[in-house]
Amino acid sequence: MDKYDKPREGNDNKPREGNEKGTGTGKQPEYVAYAVTEDPKKGKTFWTRIGAGFKNKEDGITVLLNALPANPKIVLLPPREE
């Protein structure tokens, strides 16, 4: 067995402490990132959640994506109140 056959120590795939969503920032996102795909044949629009957005110190938004969409359209919206 070589070093590549066993998982790295400390990597238990759990979210960081204080961060239930697993983004690594320790706070809830101000925005949710969606990939928006339109199907003209069916006349439908599909919204797929692909990440989150956080306000940063420079008055910008840092976007963390879990997936890269095939289409270029990404929409950031505030999270829904649950």
C-alpha atoms as a PDB file:
ATOM      1  CA  MET A   1       0.000   0.000   0.000  1.00  0.00           C
ATOM      2  CA  ASP A   2       1.465   3.368  -0.971  1.00  0.00           C
ATOM      3  CA  LYS A   3       0.511   6.871   0.210  1.00  0.00           C
ATOM      4  CA  TYR A   4      -2.138   7.237  -2.513  1.00  0.00           C
ATOM      5  CA  ASP A   5      -4.185   4.235  -1.366  1.00  0.00           C
ATOM      6  CA  LYS A   6      -5.412   5.783   1.883  1.00  0.00           C
ATOM      7  CA  PRO A   7      -7.343   9.016   2.568  1.00  0.00           C
ATOM      8  CA  ARG A   8      -5.437  12.019   3.871  1.00  0.00           C
ATOM      9  CA  GLU A   9      -5.568  12.567   7.604  1.00  0.00           C
ATOM     10  CA  GLY A  10      -8.013  15.239   8.720  1.00  0.00           C
ATOM     11  CA  ASN A  11      -9.985  15.146   5.481  1.00  0.00           C
ATOM     12  CA  ASP A  12     -13.320  13.779   6.675  1.00  0.00           C
ATOM     13  CA  ASN A  13     -15.417  15.702   4.091  1.00  0.00           C
ATOM     14  CA  LYS A  14     -17.384  17.472   6.829  1.00  0.00           C
ATOM     15  CA  PRO A  15     -18.201  21.197   6.661  1.00  0.00           C
ATOM     16  CA  ARG A  16     -15.928  23.478   8.632  1.00  0.00           C
ATOM     17  CA  GLU A  17     -17.017  24.408  12.138  1.00  0.00           C
ATOM     18  CA  GLY A  18     -19.673  27.140  12.168  1.00  0.00           C
ATOM     19  CA  ASN A  19     -20.511  26.537   8.542  1.00  0.00           C
ATOM     20  CA  GLU A  20     -23.458  24.274   7.858  1.00  0.00           C
ATOM     21  CA  LYS A  21     -23.413  24.795   4.074  1.00  0.00           C
ATOM     22  CA  GLY A  22     -19.748  23.851   3.585  1.00  0.00           C
ATOM     23  CA  THR A  23     -18.615  27.023   1.764  1.00  0.00           C
ATOM     24  CA  GLY A  24     -15.630  27.577   4.033  1.00  0.00           C
ATOM     25  CA  THR A  25     -16.535  31.159   4.946  1.00  0.00           C
ATOM     26  CA  GLY A  26     -18.403  30.496   8.203  1.00  0.00           C
ATOM     27  CA  LYS A  27     -21.373  32.686   7.248  1.00  0.00           C
ATOM     28  CA  GLN A  28     -24.536  32.370   5.218  1.00  0.00           C
ATOM     29  CA  PRO A  29     -24.401  33.676   1.628  1.00  0.00           C
ATOM     30  CA  GLU A  30     -26.017  36.968   0.673  1.00  0.00           C
ATOM     31  CA  TYR A  31     -26.768  35.558  -2.788  1.00  0.00           C
ATOM     32  CA  VAL A  32     -27.500  32.215  -4.427  1.00  0.00           C
ATOM     33  CA  ALA A  33     -25.957  31.573  -7.858  1.00  0.00           C
ATOM     34  CA  TYR A  34     -28.167  29.953 -10.500  1.00  0.00           C
ATOM     35  CA  ALA A  35     -27.398  28.771 -14.023  1.00  0.00           C
ATOM     36  CA  VAL A  36     -30.319  29.762 -16.231  1.00  0.00           C
ATOM     37  CA  THR A  37     -31.042  27.673 -19.315  1.00  0.00           C
ATOM     38  CA  GLU A  38     -33.836  28.447 -21.755  1.00  0.00           C
ATOM     39  CA  ASP A  39     -35.461  25.776 -23.902  1.00  0.00           C
ATOM     40  CA  PRO A  40     -37.152  27.579 -26.817  1.00  0.00           C
ATOM     41  CA  LYS A  41     -38.756  24.363 -28.120  1.00  0.00           C
ATOM     42  CA  LYS A  42     -40.648  23.796 -24.859  1.00  0.00           C
ATOM     43  CA  GLY A  43     -40.938  27.459 -23.967  1.00  0.00           C
ATOM     44  CA  LYS A  44     -39.466  26.807 -20.517  1.00  0.00           C
ATOM     45  CA  THR A  45     -36.645  28.234 -18.439  1.00  0.00           C
ATOM     46  CA  PHE A  46     -34.667  26.006 -16.070  1.00  0.00           C
ATOM     47  CA  TRP A  47     -32.909  27.367 -12.975  1.00  0.00           C
ATOM     48  CA  THR A  48     -30.172  25.210 -11.445  1.00  0.00           C
ATOM     49  CA  ARG A  49     -28.495  26.211  -8.191  1.00  0.00           C
ATOM     50  CA  ILE A  50     -24.725  26.138  -8.745  1.00  0.00           C
ATOM     51  CA  GLY A  51     -23.178  28.207  -5.952  1.00  0.00           C
ATOM     52  CA  ALA A  52     -23.279  31.191  -3.610  1.00  0.00           C
ATOM     53  CA  GLY A  53     -22.243  34.848  -3.474  1.00  0.00           C
ATOM     54  CA  PHE A  54     -20.755  36.796  -0.579  1.00  0.00           C
ATOM     55  CA  LYS A  55     -20.226  40.543  -0.252  1.00  0.00           C
ATOM     56  CA  ASN A  56     -16.548  41.395   0.167  1.00  0.00           C
ATOM     57  CA  LYS A  57     -14.567  44.334   1.601  1.00  0.00           C
ATOM     58  CA  GLU A  58     -14.162  46.024  -1.792  1.00  0.00           C
ATOM     59  CA  ASP A  59     -17.951  46.427  -2.268  1.00  0.00           C
ATOM     60  CA  GLY A  60     -17.938  43.540  -4.722  1.00  0.00           C
ATOM     61  CA  ILE A  61     -19.320  40.016  -4.634  1.00  0.00           C
ATOM     62  CA  THR A  62     -17.208  36.894  -4.326  1.00  0.00           C
ATOM     63  CA  VAL A  63     -18.888  33.985  -6.128  1.00  0.00           C
ATOM     64  CA  LEU A  64     -18.143  30.383  -5.157  1.00  0.00           C
ATOM     65  CA  LEU A  65     -19.345  27.885  -7.751  1.00  0.00           C
ATOM     66  CA  ASN A  66     -19.938  24.176  -7.211  1.00  0.00           C
ATOM     67  CA  ALA A  67     -20.379  23.669 -10.954  1.00  0.00           C
ATOM     68  CA  LEU A  68     -19.606  25.510 -14.188  1.00  0.00           C
ATOM     69  CA  PRO A  69     -22.613  25.941 -16.457  1.00  0.00           C
ATOM     70  CA  ALA A  70     -22.425  25.106 -20.149  1.00  0.00           C
ATOM     71  CA  ASN A  71     -24.272  28.327 -20.948  1.00  0.00           C
ATOM     72  CA  PRO A  72     -22.846  31.751 -20.014  1.00  0.00           C
ATOM     73  CA  LYS A  73     -25.828  33.014 -18.012  1.00  0.00           C
ATOM     74  CA  ILE A  74     -25.476  33.055 -14.205  1.00  0.00           C
ATOM     75  CA  VAL A  75     -27.987  34.901 -12.015  1.00  0.00           C
ATOM     76  CA  LEU A  76     -27.380  35.955  -8.399  1.00  0.00           C
ATOM     77  CA  LEU A  77     -30.479  36.293  -6.202  1.00  0.00           C
ATOM     78  CA  PRO A  78     -30.933  36.745  -2.454  1.00  0.00           C
ATOM     79  CA  PRO A  79     -31.719  33.446  -0.713  1.00  0.00           C
ATOM     80  CA  ARG A  80     -35.374  32.658  -0.068  1.00  0.00           C
ATOM     81  CA  GLU A  81     -36.625  33.016   3.484  1.00  0.00           C
ATOM     82  CA  GLU A  82     -37.514  29.577   4.833  1.00  0.00           C
END
